[in-house]
Amino acid sequence: MTAQPTVYFLNGPNANLYGLDRSGTYGRESFVAIKQRCEDHAASLKLTLEFRQSNHEGVLVDWIQEAREKAGGLIINAAGLTYTSIAILDALLAFEGPIIEAHMSNIWKREPFRHHSYVSRAATGVVAGLGALGYELALTAVARLIAEQAPR
């Protein structure tokens, strides 16, 4: 019996505040509830999920590097670092598995500075604007991409 593939789902600055935003940009669900949704969905996809959040760029870079050795796929919502972090881009470019960039909001309907993502340069695909549902769709996509790469 083969082990379940591991997927790292990394969340950047302020993602831990989901559900608390008065504007509703990120929906009403709390980060804890979104994490539980993702854990449940990953289990249904037969994935081992490492769902993490940090407000610190270097910690995210460390986790991406860790994923190189431990994960078959990676999902990242780098949040505000999406638009600024070359360090995260460089770490992602060293990851050999599929990478899904995920955003709760539609970044192209927001302020112009959010229209350029450094993360997209390394991403296999992007899911944006669908709230927590997008997180589940990102998991479904990465599971399929990992399966397509598996030796038969």
Protein backbone atom coordinates (compact mmCIF):
# COMPACT_ATOMS: atom_id res chain seq x y z
CA MET A 1 0.00 0.00 0.00
CA THR A 2 1.45 3.38 -0.99
CA ALA A 3 1.40 6.37 1.31
CA GLN A 4 -1.01 9.21 0.70
CA PRO A 5 0.58 12.18 -1.05
CA THR A 6 1.35 15.13 1.19
CA VAL A 7 0.28 18.62 0.19
CA TYR A 8 1.48 21.78 1.88
CA PHE A 9 -1.13 24.55 1.97
CA LEU A 10 0.62 27.73 3.04
CA ASN A 11 -1.12 30.95 4.00
CA GLY A 12 0.58 34.30 4.38
CA PRO A 13 0.11 37.43 6.47
CA ASN A 14 -3.27 38.14 8.02
CA ALA A 15 -4.94 35.01 6.64
CA ASN A 16 -5.48 34.04 10.27
CA LEU A 17 -7.93 36.98 10.42
CA TYR A 18 -10.36 35.56 7.83
CA GLY A 19 -13.94 36.03 8.94
CA LEU A 20 -13.06 39.11 10.99
CA ASP A 21 -12.81 41.55 8.05
CA ARG A 22 -15.70 44.03 8.28
CA SER A 23 -15.69 44.64 4.52
CA GLY A 24 -16.43 40.98 3.82
CA THR A 25 -13.68 40.81 1.19
CA TYR A 26 -12.55 37.44 2.53
CA GLY A 27 -15.94 36.06 3.50
CA ARG A 28 -17.45 35.36 6.89
CA GLU A 29 -15.84 32.00 7.64
CA SER A 30 -13.08 32.00 10.23
CA PHE A 31 -9.60 30.77 9.40
CA VAL A 32 -10.14 27.85 11.78
CA ALA A 33 -13.36 26.87 9.95
CA ILE A 34 -11.62 27.14 6.57
CA LYS A 35 -8.77 24.99 7.83
CA GLN A 36 -11.27 22.33 8.95
CA ARG A 37 -13.01 22.43 5.54
CA CYS A 38 -9.66 21.90 3.86
CA GLU A 39 -8.65 19.07 6.20
CA ASP A 40 -11.98 17.31 5.56
CA HIS A 41 -11.70 17.77 1.80
CA ALA A 42 -8.06 16.62 1.75
CA ALA A 43 -9.05 13.46 3.63
CA SER A 44 -11.76 12.78 1.04
CA LEU A 45 -9.09 13.15 -1.67
CA LYS A 46 -6.75 10.82 0.23
CA LEU A 47 -4.19 13.58 0.79
CA THR A 48 -2.12 14.25 3.87
CA LEU A 49 -2.46 17.99 4.46
CA GLU A 50 0.00 20.37 6.10
CA PHE A 51 -2.15 23.52 6.47
CA ARG A 52 -0.11 26.38 7.86
CA GLN A 53 -0.18 30.17 8.27
CA SER A 54 2.53 32.69 9.07
CA ASN A 55 2.78 36.45 9.10
CA HIS A 56 6.52 36.16 8.39
CA GLU A 57 8.07 35.90 4.92
CA GLY A 58 11.10 33.90 6.06
CA VAL A 59 8.92 31.29 7.75
CA LEU A 60 6.97 30.82 4.50
CA VAL A 61 10.24 30.44 2.58
CA ASP A 62 11.42 27.84 5.13
CA TRP A 63 8.16 25.89 4.72
CA ILE A 64 8.41 25.97 0.92
CA GLN A 65 11.94 24.60 1.18
CA GLU A 66 10.73 21.93 3.64
CA ALA A 67 8.00 20.98 1.16
CA ARG A 68 10.67 20.21 -1.47
CA GLU A 69 11.56 17.13 0.58
CA LYS A 70 8.17 16.22 2.04
CA ALA A 71 5.36 17.18 -0.35
CA GLY A 72 4.12 16.12 -3.74
CA GLY A 73 2.26 19.39 -4.24
CA LEU A 74 1.94 22.84 -2.79
CA ILE A 75 -0.86 25.39 -2.52
CA ILE A 76 -0.03 28.91 -1.49
CA ASN A 77 -1.95 32.02 -0.63
CA ALA A 78 0.98 34.33 0.03
CA ALA A 79 -1.54 37.11 0.81
CA GLY A 80 0.15 40.53 0.78
CA LEU A 81 3.51 38.91 0.00
CA THR A 82 2.09 37.78 -3.35
CA TYR A 83 2.81 41.23 -4.74
CA THR A 84 6.19 41.86 -3.14
CA SER A 85 8.19 38.73 -2.40
CA ILE A 86 10.88 37.67 -4.79
CA ALA A 87 12.20 35.43 -1.99
CA ILE A 88 8.96 33.42 -2.03
CA LEU A 89 9.09 33.26 -5.84
CA ASP A 90 12.66 31.93 -5.76
CA ALA A 91 11.72 29.27 -3.19
CA LEU A 92 8.69 28.23 -5.27
CA LEU A 93 10.80 27.97 -8.43
CA ALA A 94 12.92 25.35 -6.63
CA PHE A 95 9.84 23.21 -5.85
CA GLU A 96 9.42 20.46 -8.44
CA GLY A 97 5.79 19.45 -7.90
CA PRO A 98 2.58 21.21 -8.90
CA ILE A 99 1.92 24.59 -7.29
CA ILE A 100 -1.51 26.17 -7.04
CA GLU A 101 -1.77 29.86 -6.19
CA ALA A 102 -4.97 30.50 -4.23
CA HIS A 103 -6.67 33.72 -3.23
CA MET A 104 -9.92 34.14 -1.35
CA SER A 105 -10.74 37.35 -3.24
CA ASN A 106 -10.53 38.14 -6.94
CA ILE A 107 -7.23 40.02 -6.96
CA TRP A 108 -7.94 41.45 -10.44
CA LYS A 109 -11.06 43.27 -9.18
CA ARG A 110 -9.12 44.96 -6.41
CA GLU A 111 -6.49 47.69 -6.24
CA PRO A 112 -4.11 47.83 -9.22
CA PHE A 113 -1.07 46.87 -7.15
CA ARG A 114 -2.71 43.47 -6.56
CA HIS A 115 -2.87 42.73 -10.29
CA HIS A 116 0.76 41.54 -10.43
CA SER A 117 1.64 38.35 -8.61
CA TYR A 118 5.21 37.14 -8.22
CA VAL A 119 3.78 33.78 -7.13
CA SER A 120 2.06 33.30 -10.51
CA ARG A 121 5.46 33.03 -12.20
CA ALA A 122 5.99 29.70 -10.39
CA ALA A 123 2.38 28.49 -10.20
CA THR A 124 0.95 25.68 -12.28
CA GLY A 125 -2.46 27.34 -11.91
CA VAL A 126 -4.38 30.02 -10.03
CA VAL A 127 -7.71 29.92 -8.17
CA ALA A 128 -9.05 33.31 -7.09
CA GLY A 129 -12.25 35.00 -6.06
CA LEU A 130 -14.19 32.00 -4.82
CA GLY A 131 -13.59 32.32 -1.10
CA ALA A 132 -13.18 29.12 0.88
CA LEU A 133 -14.63 27.14 -2.04
CA GLY A 134 -11.52 28.15 -3.98
CA TYR A 135 -9.37 26.54 -1.32
CA GLU A 136 -11.24 23.26 -1.80
CA LEU A 137 -10.95 23.56 -5.59
CA ALA A 138 -7.21 24.16 -5.23
CA LEU A 139 -6.96 20.93 -3.24
CA THR A 140 -8.91 19.04 -5.91
CA ALA A 141 -6.64 20.45 -8.63
CA VAL A 142 -3.40 19.62 -6.86
CA ALA A 143 -4.63 16.09 -6.09
CA ARG A 144 -5.36 15.50 -9.76
CA LEU A 145 -2.01 16.98 -10.86
CA ILE A 146 -0.14 14.77 -8.39
CA ALA A 147 -2.05 11.71 -9.60
CA GLU A 148 -1.21 12.53 -13.22
CA GLN A 149 2.51 12.62 -12.32
CA ALA A 150 2.45 9.32 -10.40
CA PRO A 151 4.12 6.34 -12.07
CA ARG A 152 1.61 3.81 -13.33
